Amino acid sequence: MEDSNLENSKKEFTPDNGFNLVGIDYFEEPTGQIYFIEHFDLYQDALNAKKDRKNPNEYFILYKGTGGEFLSR
C-alpha cells in the first residue's frame, strides 16, 4: 500500500515539460513523503543539482517520457 502512495505522489510531482527535482522524507506519512525542490528545463541541470546534494540517493528527478509515461531517476 505504501509503495502505491509513493508512486501516486511521484506522478503528482511530475511536470508535463522539463524535469522536477524532488526530495523524499522517509519519516513523513506515505502521502506526504515527496516534496518539491526545483524545476529544470534541462536534464543535465537537474542531474547536477541532484549530485550537489549531501545525500543524492534521497532525491529523484521526475519527468515524462516521450510516450507520456512517468519516469524517475
Protein backbone atom coordinates (compact mmCIF):
# COMPACT_ATOMS: atom_id res chain seq x y z
CA MET A 1 0.00 0.00 0.00
CA GLU A 2 2.77 2.43 0.88
CA ASP A 3 4.51 1.92 -2.48
CA SER A 4 1.35 2.84 -4.39
CA ASN A 5 1.02 6.05 -2.32
CA LEU A 6 4.63 6.92 -3.12
CA GLU A 7 4.10 6.21 -6.82
CA ASN A 8 0.96 8.37 -6.86
CA SER A 9 2.88 11.19 -5.20
CA LYS A 10 5.63 10.89 -7.82
CA LYS A 11 3.01 11.24 -10.57
CA GLU A 12 1.59 14.36 -8.92
CA PHE A 13 5.03 16.00 -8.86
CA THR A 14 5.93 15.02 -12.43
CA PRO A 15 5.86 18.04 -14.76
CA ASP A 16 4.37 17.97 -18.25
CA ASN A 17 7.58 19.56 -19.55
CA GLY A 18 11.08 19.61 -18.14
CA PHE A 19 12.35 17.94 -15.00
CA ASN A 20 11.48 18.32 -11.32
CA LEU A 21 13.98 17.64 -8.60
CA VAL A 22 12.14 16.34 -5.55
CA GLY A 23 13.23 15.06 -2.16
CA ILE A 24 11.85 12.23 -0.12
CA ASP A 25 11.29 12.33 3.63
CA TYR A 26 11.03 8.74 4.84
CA PHE A 27 9.78 9.85 8.28
CA GLU A 28 6.69 11.55 6.83
CA GLU A 29 3.37 9.82 6.17
CA PRO A 30 3.42 7.99 2.78
CA THR A 31 1.17 10.57 1.14
CA GLY A 32 3.48 13.44 2.13
CA GLN A 33 6.92 11.90 1.69
CA ILE A 34 7.78 13.72 -1.54
CA TYR A 35 8.47 17.46 -1.58
CA PHE A 36 9.32 19.78 -4.47
CA ILE A 37 12.79 21.35 -4.65
CA GLU A 38 13.25 22.89 -8.10
CA HIS A 39 12.17 22.69 -11.76
CA PHE A 40 14.71 22.47 -14.60
CA ASP A 41 14.34 22.71 -18.36
CA LEU A 42 17.38 20.51 -18.99
CA TYR A 43 18.02 17.04 -17.59
CA GLN A 44 21.72 17.75 -17.12
CA ASP A 45 20.94 20.72 -14.87
CA ALA A 46 18.62 18.59 -12.74
CA LEU A 47 21.22 15.82 -12.54
CA ASN A 48 23.93 18.26 -11.47
CA ALA A 49 21.64 19.70 -8.77
CA LYS A 50 20.93 16.18 -7.50
CA LYS A 51 24.63 15.31 -7.40
CA ASP A 52 25.36 18.50 -5.44
CA ARG A 53 23.06 17.40 -2.60
CA LYS A 54 24.51 15.92 0.59
CA ASN A 55 22.70 12.57 0.09
CA PRO A 56 21.88 12.28 -3.64
CA ASN A 57 20.07 8.96 -3.10
CA GLU A 58 17.32 10.79 -1.20
CA TYR A 59 16.34 12.79 -4.30
CA PHE A 60 14.56 11.96 -7.54
CA ILE A 61 14.38 13.62 -10.92
CA LEU A 62 10.81 13.27 -12.18
CA TYR A 63 9.79 13.69 -15.82
CA LYS A 64 7.50 12.34 -18.53
CA GLY A 65 8.87 10.12 -21.27
CA THR A 66 8.16 10.59 -24.96
CA GLY A 67 5.15 8.28 -24.67
CA GLY A 68 3.72 10.20 -21.70
CA GLU A 69 4.91 7.62 -19.18
CA PHE A 70 6.01 8.79 -15.73
CA LEU A 71 9.74 8.31 -15.18
CA SER A 72 12.17 8.97 -12.33
CA ARG A 73 15.94 8.74 -11.88
